[in-house]
Amino acid sequence: MSLMRRHQQAVREAASEGMPHAGYATGHTGGHVLDVMPTGLMGGSQLAAMLDASLAEDLAMLHDVASIERKAEIKRERLIPKYRDYAARLMGESARHELLGYYIVWCFDAGHIEEGLRVAAWAMEHGQPLPERFRAGLPLFVATQTLEWAEREYNAGRAFEPYLTQAQELACSGGDVPDDTVALFHRLRGLRAESDGDLATAECELARAFDLGAKVKTALEGVRKRLARTTETTVTPPAPNPEG
């Protein structure tokens, strides 16, 4: 059943049970919000119905926004705060719901990498997939999204660890990630090590990236030349001959 059809069904069920449609709070502009966390024996089914309805409306709202930057802002400032407690409850009850797949996507789109990795780790463990419209599986999605974020952080001179390594470990443990994608993890760590002056680590990481297909030949050769020069200058000179 499509999300919109589930939304329509949830509205009918909410009306028949005397529930407010999707738990909407009053006094808000620019869309409805969930206001009450249902509890008790019926909490699980009521929560699922409320989330179906609310999520359908928010996805329709996002679809009408043309600007990618504006969409990221909406996810960061409105949707993630709005659904954070609901995502936590679902995970606490080991309950799968499509919201969690979208929540992971929103976290990465908004730059909330730590939270995105945490929820993605839960999703992999509990078999929660990404929404149907995403072609990539969750492990590859985590890898590519973290790599794109880390590339931006590197270019801006900001740190990307420990999240880059965490993402690689999570993605590679959760599925079959292509070699050329894995290579990019090693490439970024190698470039950062070179920038930090750790040439031995840079050579190791860039060599691994090169073996896996990354285009790092020039960078690797440059590191090896610098290492060779460093070795030459640190060689201990021979002791002088006392006999002249």
C-alpha atoms as a PDB file:
ATOM      1  CA  MET A   1       0.000   0.000   0.000  1.00  0.00           C
ATOM      2  CA  SER A   2       1.338   3.441  -0.917  1.00  0.00           C
ATOM      3  CA  LEU A   3       2.082   6.022   1.754  1.00  0.00           C
ATOM      4  CA  MET A   4      -0.758   8.248   0.525  1.00  0.00           C
ATOM      5  CA  ARG A   5      -3.263   5.396   0.671  1.00  0.00           C
ATOM      6  CA  ARG A   6      -2.074   4.570   4.185  1.00  0.00           C
ATOM      7  CA  HIS A   7      -2.524   8.256   5.023  1.00  0.00           C
ATOM      8  CA  GLN A   8      -6.121   8.182   3.805  1.00  0.00           C
ATOM      9  CA  GLN A   9      -6.787   4.970   5.706  1.00  0.00           C
ATOM     10  CA  ALA A  10      -5.229   6.452   8.860  1.00  0.00           C
ATOM     11  CA  VAL A  11      -7.539   9.457   8.620  1.00  0.00           C
ATOM     12  CA  ARG A  12     -10.569   7.180   8.417  1.00  0.00           C
ATOM     13  CA  GLU A  13      -9.352   5.053  11.347  1.00  0.00           C
ATOM     14  CA  ALA A  14      -8.597   8.122  13.430  1.00  0.00           C
ATOM     15  CA  ALA A  15     -12.068   9.501  12.783  1.00  0.00           C
ATOM     16  CA  SER A  16     -13.746   6.207  13.687  1.00  0.00           C
ATOM     17  CA  GLU A  17     -11.779   6.002  16.965  1.00  0.00           C
ATOM     18  CA  GLY A  18     -12.442   9.620  17.884  1.00  0.00           C
ATOM     19  CA  MET A  19      -8.781  10.549  17.576  1.00  0.00           C
ATOM     20  CA  PRO A  20      -7.611  13.940  16.353  1.00  0.00           C
ATOM     21  CA  HIS A  21      -6.369  13.550  12.793  1.00  0.00           C
ATOM     22  CA  ALA A  22      -2.666  12.659  13.174  1.00  0.00           C
ATOM     23  CA  GLY A  23      -2.546  14.256  16.610  1.00  0.00           C
ATOM     24  CA  TYR A  24      -2.562  17.758  15.160  1.00  0.00           C
ATOM     25  CA  ALA A  25      -1.849  20.634  17.489  1.00  0.00           C
ATOM     26  CA  THR A  26      -3.573  23.933  17.009  1.00  0.00           C
ATOM     27  CA  GLY A  27      -1.997  27.346  16.845  1.00  0.00           C
ATOM     28  CA  HIS A  28       0.735  26.427  14.344  1.00  0.00           C
ATOM     29  CA  THR A  29       1.187  27.769  10.876  1.00  0.00           C
ATOM     30  CA  GLY A  30       2.831  26.222   7.864  1.00  0.00           C
ATOM     31  CA  GLY A  31       1.653  22.658   8.487  1.00  0.00           C
ATOM     32  CA  HIS A  32       0.380  20.378  11.230  1.00  0.00           C
ATOM     33  CA  VAL A  33       2.479  18.816  13.964  1.00  0.00           C
ATOM     34  CA  LEU A  34       2.134  15.765  16.147  1.00  0.00           C
ATOM     35  CA  ASP A  35       1.358  16.938  19.648  1.00  0.00           C
ATOM     36  CA  VAL A  36       0.610  13.872  21.786  1.00  0.00           C
ATOM     37  CA  MET A  37       2.597  10.656  22.159  1.00  0.00           C
ATOM     38  CA  PRO A  38      -0.001   7.873  22.456  1.00  0.00           C
ATOM     39  CA  THR A  39       0.653   5.394  25.258  1.00  0.00           C
ATOM     40  CA  GLY A  40      -0.863   2.237  26.631  1.00  0.00           C
ATOM     41  CA  LEU A  41      -2.062  -0.911  24.934  1.00  0.00           C
ATOM     42  CA  MET A  42      -3.262   0.888  21.812  1.00  0.00           C
ATOM     43  CA  GLY A  43      -0.260   3.177  21.665  1.00  0.00           C
ATOM     44  CA  GLY A  44       1.627   1.221  19.029  1.00  0.00           C
ATOM     45  CA  SER A  45      -1.154   1.037  16.451  1.00  0.00           C
ATOM     46  CA  GLN A  46      -2.292   4.590  17.140  1.00  0.00           C
ATOM     47  CA  LEU A  47       1.268   5.867  16.812  1.00  0.00           C
ATOM     48  CA  ALA A  48       1.711   4.097  13.477  1.00  0.00           C
ATOM     49  CA  ALA A  49      -1.525   5.601  12.145  1.00  0.00           C
ATOM     50  CA  MET A  50      -0.569   9.067  13.333  1.00  0.00           C
ATOM     51  CA  LEU A  51       2.901   8.811  11.815  1.00  0.00           C
ATOM     52  CA  ASP A  52       1.553   7.564   8.486  1.00  0.00           C
ATOM     53  CA  ALA A  53      -0.752  10.556   8.214  1.00  0.00           C
ATOM     54  CA  SER A  54       1.714  13.169   9.406  1.00  0.00           C
ATOM     55  CA  LEU A  55       4.572  11.814   7.302  1.00  0.00           C
ATOM     56  CA  ALA A  56       2.439  11.822   4.160  1.00  0.00           C
ATOM     57  CA  GLU A  57       1.653  15.512   4.621  1.00  0.00           C
ATOM     58  CA  ASP A  58       5.262  16.456   5.319  1.00  0.00           C
ATOM     59  CA  LEU A  59       6.538  14.554   2.293  1.00  0.00           C
ATOM     60  CA  ALA A  60       3.977  16.322   0.120  1.00  0.00           C
ATOM     61  CA  MET A  61       5.153  19.636   1.555  1.00  0.00           C
ATOM     62  CA  LEU A  62       8.799  18.811   0.779  1.00  0.00           C
ATOM     63  CA  HIS A  63       7.870  17.794  -2.755  1.00  0.00           C
ATOM     64  CA  ASP A  64       6.535  21.288  -3.374  1.00  0.00           C
ATOM     65  CA  VAL A  65       9.844  22.926  -2.357  1.00  0.00           C
ATOM     66  CA  ALA A  66      12.140  23.427  -5.352  1.00  0.00           C
ATOM     67  CA  SER A  67      15.291  24.589  -3.551  1.00  0.00           C
ATOM     68  CA  ILE A  68      17.565  21.785  -2.312  1.00  0.00           C
ATOM     69  CA  GLU A  69      19.079  24.183   0.210  1.00  0.00           C
ATOM     70  CA  ARG A  70      15.641  25.114   1.507  1.00  0.00           C
ATOM     71  CA  LYS A  71      14.673  21.439   1.759  1.00  0.00           C
ATOM     72  CA  ALA A  72      17.767  20.747   3.868  1.00  0.00           C
ATOM     73  CA  GLU A  73      16.854  23.679   6.104  1.00  0.00           C
ATOM     74  CA  ILE A  74      13.314  22.357   6.585  1.00  0.00           C
ATOM     75  CA  LYS A  75      14.634  18.922   7.475  1.00  0.00           C
ATOM     76  CA  ARG A  76      17.184  20.343   9.901  1.00  0.00           C
ATOM     77  CA  GLU A  77      14.995  22.935  11.627  1.00  0.00           C
ATOM     78  CA  ARG A  78      11.523  21.378  11.472  1.00  0.00           C
ATOM     79  CA  LEU A  79      11.294  17.716  10.565  1.00  0.00           C
ATOM     80  CA  ILE A  80      14.155  16.268  12.599  1.00  0.00           C
ATOM     81  CA  PRO A  81      13.099  18.047  15.823  1.00  0.00           C
ATOM     82  CA  LYS A  82       9.463  17.175  15.127  1.00  0.00           C
ATOM     83  CA  TYR A  83      10.035  13.442  14.705  1.00  0.00           C
ATOM     84  CA  ARG A  84      13.078  12.823  16.947  1.00  0.00           C
ATOM     85  CA  ASP A  85      11.105  11.566  19.951  1.00  0.00           C
ATOM     86  CA  TYR A  86       8.934   9.371  17.741  1.00  0.00           C
ATOM     87  CA  ALA A  87      11.989   7.824  16.092  1.00  0.00           C
ATOM     88  CA  ALA A  88      13.452   7.166  19.539  1.00  0.00           C
ATOM     89  CA  ARG A  89      10.243   5.480  20.686  1.00  0.00           C
ATOM     90  CA  LEU A  90      10.083   3.263  17.603  1.00  0.00           C
ATOM     91  CA  MET A  91      13.680   2.155  18.101  1.00  0.00           C
ATOM     92  CA  GLY A  92      13.141   1.648  21.824  1.00  0.00           C
ATOM     93  CA  GLU A  93      10.251  -0.691  21.042  1.00  0.00           C
ATOM     94  CA  SER A  94      12.135  -2.399  18.162  1.00  0.00           C
ATOM     95  CA  ALA A  95       9.283  -1.311  15.903  1.00  0.00           C
ATOM     96  CA  ARG A  96       9.963  -0.784  12.221  1.00  0.00           C
ATOM     97  CA  HIS A  97       8.249   2.096  10.432  1.00  0.00           C
ATOM     98  CA  GLU A  98       8.895   3.961   7.200  1.00  0.00           C
ATOM     99  CA  LEU A  99       9.517   7.113   9.223  1.00  0.00           C
ATOM    100  CA  LEU A 100      12.875   5.707  10.355  1.00  0.00           C
ATOM    101  CA  GLY A 101      14.069   5.341   6.767  1.00  0.00           C
ATOM    102  CA  TYR A 102      13.137   8.930   5.985  1.00  0.00           C
ATOM    103  CA  TYR A 103      14.613  10.088   9.291  1.00  0.00           C
ATOM    104  CA  ILE A 104      17.995   8.622   8.311  1.00  0.00           C
ATOM    105  CA  VAL A 105      17.855  10.418   4.960  1.00  0.00           C
ATOM    106  CA  TRP A 106      16.922  13.701   6.622  1.00  0.00           C
ATOM    107  CA  CYS A 107      19.806  13.428   9.086  1.00  0.00           C
ATOM    108  CA  PHE A 108      22.362  13.000   6.314  1.00  0.00           C
ATOM    109  CA  ASP A 109      20.786  15.735   4.192  1.00  0.00           C
ATOM    110  CA  ALA A 110      20.870  18.097   7.174  1.00  0.00           C
ATOM    111  CA  GLY A 111      24.463  17.270   8.106  1.00  0.00           C
ATOM    112  CA  HIS A 112      23.501  15.460  11.333  1.00  0.00           C
ATOM    113  CA  ILE A 113      26.019  12.715  10.629  1.00  0.00           C
ATOM    114  CA  GLU A 114      26.388  11.353  14.155  1.00  0.00           C
ATOM    115  CA  GLU A 115      22.631  10.940  14.581  1.00  0.00           C
ATOM    116  CA  GLY A 116      22.242   9.549  11.080  1.00  0.00           C
ATOM    117  CA  LEU A 117      24.878   6.882  11.717  1.00  0.00           C
ATOM    118  CA  ARG A 118      23.286   5.937  15.031  1.00  0.00           C
ATOM    119  CA  VAL A 119      19.826   5.447  13.540  1.00  0.00           C
ATOM    120  CA  ALA A 120      21.273   3.695  10.482  1.00  0.00           C
ATOM    121  CA  ALA A 121      23.097   1.225  12.737  1.00  0.00           C
ATOM    122  CA  TRP A 122      19.785   0.398  14.435  1.00  0.00           C
ATOM    123  CA  ALA A 123      18.065   0.066  11.063  1.00  0.00           C
ATOM    124  CA  MET A 124      20.660  -2.380   9.738  1.00  0.00           C
ATOM    125  CA  GLU A 125      20.390  -4.483  12.869  1.00  0.00           C
ATOM    126  CA  HIS A 126      16.582  -4.578  12.744  1.00  0.00           C
ATOM    127  CA  GLY A 127      16.058  -4.889   8.992  1.00  0.00           C
ATOM    128  CA  GLN A 128      14.588  -1.412   8.493  1.00  0.00           C
ATOM    129  CA  PRO A 129      15.153  -0.437   4.834  1.00  0.00           C
ATOM    130  CA  LEU A 130      15.258   2.956   3.217  1.00  0.00           C
ATOM    131  CA  PRO A 131      12.015   4.197   1.627  1.00  0.00           C
ATOM    132  CA  GLU A 132      11.064   2.397  -1.582  1.00  0.00           C
ATOM    133  CA  ARG A 133      12.032   5.274  -3.883  1.00  0.00           C
ATOM    134  CA  PHE A 134      15.710   4.944  -2.928  1.00  0.00           C
ATOM    135  CA  ARG A 135      17.526   2.570  -5.247  1.00  0.00           C
ATOM    136  CA  ALA A 136      20.616   2.108  -3.070  1.00  0.00           C
ATOM    137  CA  GLY A 137      20.549  -0.188  -0.093  1.00  0.00           C
ATOM    138  CA  LEU A 138      21.156   1.296   3.333  1.00  0.00           C
ATOM    139  CA  PRO A 139      24.872   0.319   3.607  1.00  0.00           C
ATOM    140  CA  LEU A 140      25.764   1.955   0.289  1.00  0.00           C
ATOM    141  CA  PHE A 141      23.630   4.991   1.119  1.00  0.00           C
ATOM    142  CA  VAL A 142      25.458   5.461   4.423  1.00  0.00           C
ATOM    143  CA  ALA A 143      28.816   5.128   2.673  1.00  0.00           C
ATOM    144  CA  THR A 144      28.134   7.556  -0.168  1.00  0.00           C
ATOM    145  CA  GLN A 145      26.391  10.162   1.965  1.00  0.00           C
ATOM    146  CA  THR A 146      29.136  10.164   4.585  1.00  0.00           C
ATOM    147  CA  LEU A 147      31.811  10.384   1.892  1.00  0.00           C
ATOM    148  CA  GLU A 148      30.124  13.401   0.312  1.00  0.00           C
ATOM    149  CA  TRP A 149      29.893  15.093   3.709  1.00  0.00           C
ATOM    150  CA  ALA A 150      33.503  14.237   4.586  1.00  0.00           C
ATOM    151  CA  GLU A 151      34.731  15.617   1.259  1.00  0.00           C
ATOM    152  CA  ARG A 152      33.086  18.945   2.059  1.00  0.00           C
ATOM    153  CA  GLU A 153      34.571  18.923   5.555  1.00  0.00           C
ATOM    154  CA  TYR A 154      38.036  18.174   4.190  1.00  0.00           C
ATOM    155  CA  ASN A 155      37.827  20.955   1.610  1.00  0.00           C
ATOM    156  CA  ALA A 156      36.772  23.370   4.354  1.00  0.00           C
ATOM    157  CA  GLY A 157      39.656  22.319   6.594  1.00  0.00           C
ATOM    158  CA  ARG A 158      37.401  20.691   9.185  1.00  0.00           C
ATOM    159  CA  ALA A 159      37.752  17.295  10.858  1.00  0.00           C
ATOM    160  CA  PHE A 160      35.643  14.398   9.618  1.00  0.00           C
ATOM    161  CA  GLU A 161      36.694  11.732  12.100  1.00  0.00           C
ATOM    162  CA  PRO A 162      35.539   9.648  13.872  1.00  0.00           C
ATOM    163  CA  TYR A 163      32.492   9.604  11.602  1.00  0.00           C
ATOM    164  CA  LEU A 164      34.274   8.617   8.384  1.00  0.00           C
ATOM    165  CA  THR A 165      35.745   5.491   9.948  1.00  0.00           C
ATOM    166  CA  GLN A 166      32.485   4.696  11.751  1.00  0.00           C
ATOM    167  CA  ALA A 167      30.575   4.940   8.478  1.00  0.00           C
ATOM    168  CA  GLN A 168      33.026   2.657   6.680  1.00  0.00           C
ATOM    169  CA  GLU A 169      32.831   0.037   9.419  1.00  0.00           C
ATOM    170  CA  LEU A 170      29.034   0.248   9.528  1.00  0.00           C
ATOM    171  CA  ALA A 171      28.557   0.129   5.766  1.00  0.00           C
ATOM    172  CA  CYS A 172      31.032  -2.676   5.129  1.00  0.00           C
ATOM    173  CA  SER A 173      29.623  -4.783   7.960  1.00  0.00           C
ATOM    174  CA  GLY A 174      26.082  -4.304   6.708  1.00  0.00           C
ATOM    175  CA  GLY A 175      26.432  -5.130   3.036  1.00  0.00           C
ATOM    176  CA  ASP A 176      28.526  -5.530  -0.082  1.00  0.00           C
ATOM    177  CA  VAL A 177      30.002  -2.073  -0.714  1.00  0.00           C
ATOM    178  CA  PRO A 178      31.789  -1.673  -4.091  1.00  0.00           C
ATOM    179  CA  ASP A 179      35.584  -1.443  -4.046  1.00  0.00           C
ATOM    180  CA  ASP A 180      35.606   1.964  -5.709  1.00  0.00           C
ATOM    181  CA  THR A 181      33.457   3.304  -2.876  1.00  0.00           C
ATOM    182  CA  VAL A 182      35.669   1.768  -0.186  1.00  0.00           C
ATOM    183  CA  ALA A 183      38.656   3.306  -1.970  1.00  0.00           C
ATOM    184  CA  LEU A 184      37.289   6.777  -1.319  1.00  0.00           C
ATOM    185  CA  PHE A 185      37.405   6.240   2.441  1.00  0.00           C
ATOM    186  CA  HIS A 186      41.117   5.440   2.209  1.00  0.00           C
ATOM    187  CA  ARG A 187      41.676   8.355  -0.159  1.00  0.00           C
ATOM    188  CA  LEU A 188      40.218  10.903   2.248  1.00  0.00           C
ATOM    189  CA  ARG A 189      42.108   9.516   5.228  1.00  0.00           C
ATOM    190  CA  GLY A 190      45.302   9.551   3.169  1.00  0.00           C
ATOM    191  CA  LEU A 191      44.832  13.146   2.073  1.00  0.00           C
ATOM    192  CA  ARG A 192      44.084  14.245   5.630  1.00  0.00           C
ATOM    193  CA  ALA A 193      47.149  12.395   6.941  1.00  0.00           C
ATOM    194  CA  GLU A 194      49.289  14.115   4.316  1.00  0.00           C
ATOM    195  CA  SER A 195      47.902  17.499   5.346  1.00  0.00           C
ATOM    196  CA  ASP A 196      48.709  16.676   8.969  1.00  0.00           C
ATOM    197  CA  GLY A 197      52.274  15.695   8.083  1.00  0.00           C
ATOM    198  CA  ASP A 198      51.788  11.993   8.850  1.00  0.00           C
ATOM    199  CA  LEU A 199      53.420  10.777   5.651  1.00  0.00           C
ATOM    200  CA  ALA A 200      53.686   7.114   6.661  1.00  0.00           C
ATOM    201  CA  THR A 201      49.934   6.879   7.265  1.00  0.00           C
ATOM    202  CA  ALA A 202      49.262   8.898   4.122  1.00  0.00           C
ATOM    203  CA  GLU A 203      51.288   6.477   2.001  1.00  0.00           C
ATOM    204  CA  CYS A 204      49.523   3.458   3.501  1.00  0.00           C
ATOM    205  CA  GLU A 205      46.033   4.883   2.988  1.00  0.00           C
ATOM    206  CA  LEU A 206      46.677   6.256  -0.497  1.00  0.00           C
ATOM    207  CA  ALA A 207      48.314   3.001  -1.598  1.00  0.00           C
ATOM    208  CA  ARG A 208      45.230   1.092  -0.470  1.00  0.00           C
ATOM    209  CA  ALA A 209      42.980   3.594  -2.224  1.00  0.00           C
ATOM    210  CA  PHE A 210      45.019   3.196  -5.420  1.00  0.00           C
ATOM    211  CA  ASP A 211      44.809  -0.609  -5.228  1.00  0.00           C
ATOM    212  CA  LEU A 212      41.015  -0.347  -4.971  1.00  0.00           C
ATOM    213  CA  GLY A 213      40.744   1.916  -8.005  1.00  0.00           C
ATOM    214  CA  ALA A 214      40.860   5.484  -6.698  1.00  0.00           C
ATOM    215  CA  LYS A 215      42.563   8.105  -8.849  1.00  0.00           C
ATOM    216  CA  VAL A 216      45.296   8.976  -6.372  1.00  0.00           C
ATOM    217  CA  LYS A 217      48.440   8.137  -8.357  1.00  0.00           C
ATOM    218  CA  THR A 218      49.759  11.708  -8.357  1.00  0.00           C
ATOM    219  CA  ALA A 219      49.056  12.198  -4.657  1.00  0.00           C
ATOM    220  CA  LEU A 220      50.664   8.864  -3.798  1.00  0.00           C
ATOM    221  CA  GLU A 221      53.792   9.622  -5.822  1.00  0.00           C
ATOM    222  CA  GLY A 222      54.053  13.015  -4.142  1.00  0.00           C
ATOM    223  CA  VAL A 223      53.880  11.456  -0.681  1.00  0.00           C
ATOM    224  CA  ARG A 224      56.508   8.872  -1.571  1.00  0.00           C
ATOM    225  CA  LYS A 225      58.870  11.568  -2.847  1.00  0.00           C
ATOM    226  CA  ARG A 226      58.431  13.521   0.369  1.00  0.00           C
ATOM    227  CA  LEU A 227      59.079  10.375   2.382  1.00  0.00           C
ATOM    228  CA  ALA A 228      62.249   9.695   0.390  1.00  0.00           C
ATOM    229  CA  ARG A 229      63.538  13.211   1.017  1.00  0.00           C
ATOM    230  CA  THR A 230      62.730  12.899   4.697  1.00  0.00           C
ATOM    231  CA  THR A 231      64.624   9.618   4.871  1.00  0.00           C
ATOM    232  CA  GLU A 232      67.659  11.150   3.162  1.00  0.00           C
ATOM    233  CA  THR A 233      67.841  14.065   5.579  1.00  0.00           C
ATOM    234  CA  THR A 234      67.482  11.874   8.649  1.00  0.00           C
ATOM    235  CA  VAL A 235      70.219   9.390   7.769  1.00  0.00           C
ATOM    236  CA  THR A 236      72.929   9.608  10.414  1.00  0.00           C
ATOM    237  CA  PRO A 237      76.209  10.853   8.883  1.00  0.00           C
ATOM    238  CA  PRO A 238      79.262   8.601   9.288  1.00  0.00           C
ATOM    239  CA  ALA A 239      81.506   9.244  12.268  1.00  0.00           C
ATOM    240  CA  PRO A 240      84.687  11.191  11.444  1.00  0.00           C
ATOM    241  CA  ASN A 241      87.911   9.220  11.025  1.00  0.00           C
ATOM    242  CA  PRO A 242      90.097   9.979  14.087  1.00  0.00           C
ATOM    243  CA  GLU A 243      93.244   9.307  12.054  1.00  0.00           C
ATOM    244  CA  GLY A 244      92.328  12.112   9.698  1.00  0.00           C
END
